[in-house]
Amino acid sequence: MRTENVEQAVIHSKKGKDVSFVITPKNKYSLFKVCYYELKHRTRSEFRTIIYQKKKDLLYYMLRGVHLLTFGHYTLVYEYEASADDYS
């Protein structure tokens, strides 16, 4: 399951579903709310796949580091398509 809503990602991972959280320019700070939603929904379940759909920035490289340090426990997928605004 793919979702851009971090709360929905936590809820579905609690139910045992395989969840991919999609980071976009609109929700780029949502990832920092994961602990809050885990407490709210009383779960320690986690989603293991993060799909990154924005320009590479510091957050991307931090997540890439986590991916490498955990030996692939967490998967980071980069799906960014440059728009005309990126070249102006």
N, C-alpha and C. Protein backbone atom coordinates (compact mmCIF):
# COMPACT_ATOMS: atom_id res chain seq x y z
N MET A 1 0.84 -1.17 0.00
CA MET A 1 0.00 0.00 0.00
C MET A 1 0.89 1.24 0.00
N ARG A 2 0.57 2.21 -0.84
CA ARG A 2 1.28 3.49 -0.89
C ARG A 2 0.37 4.56 -0.31
N THR A 3 0.93 5.43 0.52
CA THR A 3 0.16 6.54 1.06
C THR A 3 1.06 7.74 1.30
N GLU A 4 0.47 8.92 1.14
CA GLU A 4 1.18 10.17 1.43
C GLU A 4 0.81 10.69 2.82
N ASN A 5 -0.08 10.00 3.51
CA ASN A 5 -0.53 10.40 4.84
C ASN A 5 0.19 9.55 5.87
N VAL A 6 1.03 10.18 6.69
CA VAL A 6 1.84 9.42 7.64
C VAL A 6 0.98 8.73 8.69
N GLU A 7 -0.13 9.34 9.09
CA GLU A 7 -1.00 8.70 10.07
C GLU A 7 -1.61 7.42 9.49
N GLN A 8 -2.05 7.48 8.24
CA GLN A 8 -2.59 6.29 7.59
C GLN A 8 -1.52 5.21 7.46
N ALA A 9 -0.28 5.62 7.20
CA ALA A 9 0.82 4.65 7.11
C ALA A 9 0.99 3.91 8.43
N VAL A 10 0.94 4.65 9.54
CA VAL A 10 1.08 4.03 10.86
C VAL A 10 -0.09 3.09 11.15
N ILE A 11 -1.30 3.53 10.84
CA ILE A 11 -2.49 2.71 11.10
C ILE A 11 -2.44 1.41 10.30
N HIS A 12 -2.10 1.49 9.03
CA HIS A 12 -2.07 0.29 8.20
C HIS A 12 -0.90 -0.63 8.57
N SER A 13 0.22 -0.06 9.00
CA SER A 13 1.33 -0.92 9.43
C SER A 13 0.97 -1.62 10.74
N LYS A 14 0.17 -0.96 11.59
CA LYS A 14 -0.31 -1.59 12.82
C LYS A 14 -1.16 -2.81 12.50
N LYS A 15 -1.91 -2.74 11.40
CA LYS A 15 -2.77 -3.85 10.98
C LYS A 15 -1.97 -4.95 10.28
N GLY A 16 -0.67 -4.75 10.13
CA GLY A 16 0.18 -5.78 9.53
C GLY A 16 0.33 -5.67 8.03
N LYS A 17 -0.15 -4.57 7.45
CA LYS A 17 -0.04 -4.40 6.01
C LYS A 17 1.36 -3.90 5.63
N ASP A 18 1.79 -4.20 4.42
CA ASP A 18 3.06 -3.71 3.90
C ASP A 18 2.81 -2.30 3.37
N VAL A 19 3.39 -1.30 4.01
CA VAL A 19 3.10 0.10 3.71
C VAL A 19 4.34 0.80 3.16
N SER A 20 4.12 1.61 2.13
CA SER A 20 5.16 2.49 1.61
C SER A 20 4.70 3.93 1.83
N PHE A 21 5.50 4.71 2.56
CA PHE A 21 5.17 6.11 2.80
C PHE A 21 5.82 6.95 1.71
N VAL A 22 5.02 7.80 1.06
CA VAL A 22 5.49 8.62 -0.05
C VAL A 22 5.76 10.03 0.45
N ILE A 23 6.99 10.50 0.30
CA ILE A 23 7.35 11.87 0.68
C ILE A 23 7.27 12.75 -0.56
N THR A 24 6.46 13.79 -0.48
CA THR A 24 6.29 14.76 -1.56
C THR A 24 6.65 16.14 -1.03
N PRO A 25 6.76 17.15 -1.89
CA PRO A 25 7.04 18.50 -1.38
C PRO A 25 5.97 19.00 -0.40
N LYS A 26 4.74 18.53 -0.54
CA LYS A 26 3.66 19.00 0.34
C LYS A 26 3.70 18.37 1.73
N ASN A 27 4.22 17.17 1.86
CA ASN A 27 4.19 16.50 3.16
C ASN A 27 5.59 16.19 3.70
N LYS A 28 6.58 16.92 3.27
CA LYS A 28 7.97 16.59 3.57
C LYS A 28 8.29 16.57 5.07
N TYR A 29 7.53 17.27 5.89
CA TYR A 29 7.80 17.28 7.33
C TYR A 29 6.99 16.24 8.08
N SER A 30 6.09 15.53 7.40
CA SER A 30 5.24 14.54 8.04
C SER A 30 6.02 13.39 8.66
N LEU A 31 7.15 13.05 8.07
CA LEU A 31 7.94 11.92 8.55
C LEU A 31 8.35 12.13 10.01
N PHE A 32 8.50 13.38 10.44
CA PHE A 32 8.91 13.66 11.81
C PHE A 32 7.77 13.46 12.81
N LYS A 33 6.56 13.20 12.32
CA LYS A 33 5.41 12.98 13.20
C LYS A 33 5.17 11.50 13.48
N VAL A 34 6.00 10.62 12.97
CA VAL A 34 5.78 9.18 13.11
C VAL A 34 5.68 8.78 14.57
N CYS A 35 6.58 9.24 15.42
CA CYS A 35 6.56 8.85 16.84
C CYS A 35 5.26 9.30 17.50
N TYR A 36 4.80 10.49 17.17
CA TYR A 36 3.53 10.97 17.72
C TYR A 36 2.39 10.03 17.35
N TYR A 37 2.31 9.66 16.07
CA TYR A 37 1.21 8.79 15.63
C TYR A 37 1.36 7.37 16.17
N GLU A 38 2.58 6.91 16.37
CA GLU A 38 2.76 5.60 17.00
C GLU A 38 2.23 5.61 18.43
N LEU A 39 2.48 6.69 19.15
CA LEU A 39 1.94 6.81 20.51
C LEU A 39 0.42 6.94 20.49
N LYS A 40 -0.08 7.74 19.58
CA LYS A 40 -1.52 7.97 19.48
C LYS A 40 -2.27 6.67 19.19
N HIS A 41 -1.72 5.84 18.33
CA HIS A 41 -2.40 4.60 17.93
C HIS A 41 -1.84 3.38 18.67
N ARG A 42 -1.01 3.63 19.68
CA ARG A 42 -0.45 2.58 20.54
C ARG A 42 0.14 1.42 19.74
N THR A 43 1.12 1.74 18.95
CA THR A 43 1.78 0.71 18.15
C THR A 43 3.27 0.99 18.04
N ARG A 44 4.02 -0.05 17.79
CA ARG A 44 5.44 0.09 17.47
C ARG A 44 5.69 -0.45 16.08
N SER A 45 4.60 -0.79 15.38
CA SER A 45 4.74 -1.26 14.00
C SER A 45 5.32 -0.13 13.17
N GLU A 46 6.02 -0.48 12.14
CA GLU A 46 6.67 0.55 11.34
C GLU A 46 6.54 0.21 9.86
N PHE A 47 6.59 1.25 9.05
CA PHE A 47 6.65 1.01 7.62
C PHE A 47 8.13 1.01 7.25
N ARG A 48 8.50 0.15 6.35
CA ARG A 48 9.91 -0.03 6.01
C ARG A 48 10.30 0.59 4.69
N THR A 49 9.33 1.03 3.90
CA THR A 49 9.65 1.60 2.60
C THR A 49 9.25 3.06 2.56
N ILE A 50 10.17 3.91 2.15
CA ILE A 50 9.89 5.33 1.97
C ILE A 50 10.16 5.66 0.51
N ILE A 51 9.16 6.24 -0.14
CA ILE A 51 9.29 6.64 -1.54
C ILE A 51 9.47 8.15 -1.56
N TYR A 52 10.58 8.61 -2.10
CA TYR A 52 10.95 10.02 -2.08
C TYR A 52 10.62 10.65 -3.42
N GLN A 53 9.66 11.59 -3.45
CA GLN A 53 9.22 12.20 -4.70
C GLN A 53 9.45 13.71 -4.72
N LYS A 54 10.60 14.14 -4.30
CA LYS A 54 10.97 15.55 -4.37
C LYS A 54 12.47 15.64 -4.60
N LYS A 55 12.96 16.85 -4.80
CA LYS A 55 14.39 17.03 -5.02
C LYS A 55 15.18 16.47 -3.85
N LYS A 56 16.35 15.92 -4.16
CA LYS A 56 17.21 15.42 -3.09
C LYS A 56 17.66 16.59 -2.22
N ASP A 57 17.52 16.42 -0.93
CA ASP A 57 17.93 17.44 0.02
C ASP A 57 18.53 16.74 1.24
N LEU A 58 18.73 17.47 2.32
CA LEU A 58 19.34 16.90 3.52
C LEU A 58 18.54 15.71 4.05
N LEU A 59 17.21 15.82 4.05
CA LEU A 59 16.38 14.72 4.53
C LEU A 59 16.62 13.45 3.71
N TYR A 60 16.72 13.59 2.40
CA TYR A 60 16.98 12.43 1.55
C TYR A 60 18.29 11.75 1.95
N TYR A 61 19.34 12.54 2.14
CA TYR A 61 20.64 11.95 2.46
C TYR A 61 20.66 11.35 3.87
N MET A 62 19.88 11.92 4.80
CA MET A 62 19.75 11.31 6.12
C MET A 62 19.06 9.95 6.00
N LEU A 63 17.98 9.89 5.23
CA LEU A 63 17.27 8.62 5.03
C LEU A 63 18.14 7.61 4.29
N ARG A 64 18.93 8.09 3.35
CA ARG A 64 19.85 7.21 2.63
C ARG A 64 20.87 6.61 3.59
N GLY A 65 21.34 7.43 4.53
CA GLY A 65 22.27 6.93 5.55
C GLY A 65 21.63 5.87 6.43
N VAL A 66 20.38 6.08 6.82
CA VAL A 66 19.66 5.08 7.62
C VAL A 66 19.53 3.78 6.83
N HIS A 67 19.20 3.90 5.55
CA HIS A 67 19.08 2.72 4.69
C HIS A 67 20.40 1.93 4.67
N LEU A 68 21.51 2.63 4.52
CA LEU A 68 22.81 1.96 4.45
C LEU A 68 23.21 1.37 5.80
N LEU A 69 22.97 2.11 6.89
CA LEU A 69 23.36 1.65 8.22
C LEU A 69 22.54 0.46 8.70
N THR A 70 21.33 0.32 8.21
CA THR A 70 20.47 -0.80 8.63
C THR A 70 20.58 -1.97 7.67
N PHE A 71 21.51 -1.90 6.75
CA PHE A 71 21.75 -2.98 5.78
C PHE A 71 20.48 -3.37 5.04
N GLY A 72 19.72 -2.37 4.63
CA GLY A 72 18.54 -2.62 3.81
C GLY A 72 17.26 -2.94 4.58
N HIS A 73 17.30 -2.84 5.93
CA HIS A 73 16.07 -3.06 6.70
C HIS A 73 15.00 -2.06 6.26
N TYR A 74 15.43 -0.83 6.06
CA TYR A 74 14.55 0.20 5.52
C TYR A 74 14.91 0.41 4.06
N THR A 75 13.91 0.57 3.21
CA THR A 75 14.14 0.76 1.79
C THR A 75 13.80 2.19 1.41
N LEU A 76 14.68 2.84 0.68
CA LEU A 76 14.45 4.19 0.19
C LEU A 76 14.40 4.14 -1.32
N VAL A 77 13.28 4.57 -1.89
CA VAL A 77 13.08 4.55 -3.34
C VAL A 77 12.98 6.00 -3.80
N TYR A 78 13.75 6.38 -4.82
CA TYR A 78 13.74 7.75 -5.34
C TYR A 78 12.96 7.77 -6.65
N GLU A 79 11.83 8.51 -6.68
CA GLU A 79 10.96 8.56 -7.86
C GLU A 79 10.69 10.00 -8.31
N TYR A 80 11.66 10.86 -8.19
CA TYR A 80 11.44 12.27 -8.52
C TYR A 80 11.53 12.51 -10.02
N GLU A 81 10.55 13.22 -10.56
CA GLU A 81 10.59 13.63 -11.96
C GLU A 81 10.70 15.15 -11.99
N ALA A 82 11.76 15.66 -12.58
CA ALA A 82 11.99 17.10 -12.62
C ALA A 82 10.89 17.79 -13.42
N SER A 83 10.46 18.93 -12.93
CA SER A 83 9.46 19.72 -13.64
C SER A 83 10.14 20.94 -14.27
N ALA A 84 9.40 21.68 -15.05
CA ALA A 84 9.94 22.87 -15.72
C ALA A 84 10.40 23.90 -14.70
N ASP A 85 9.75 23.96 -13.52
CA ASP A 85 10.13 24.92 -12.49
C ASP A 85 11.53 24.65 -11.94
N ASP A 86 11.98 23.42 -12.02
CA ASP A 86 13.30 23.07 -11.50
C ASP A 86 14.43 23.64 -12.35
N TYR A 87 14.13 23.97 -13.58
CA TYR A 87 15.17 24.47 -14.49
C TYR A 87 15.13 25.98 -14.68
N SER A 88 14.22 26.65 -14.02
CA SER A 88 14.13 28.11 -14.20
C SER A 88 14.94 28.84 -13.16
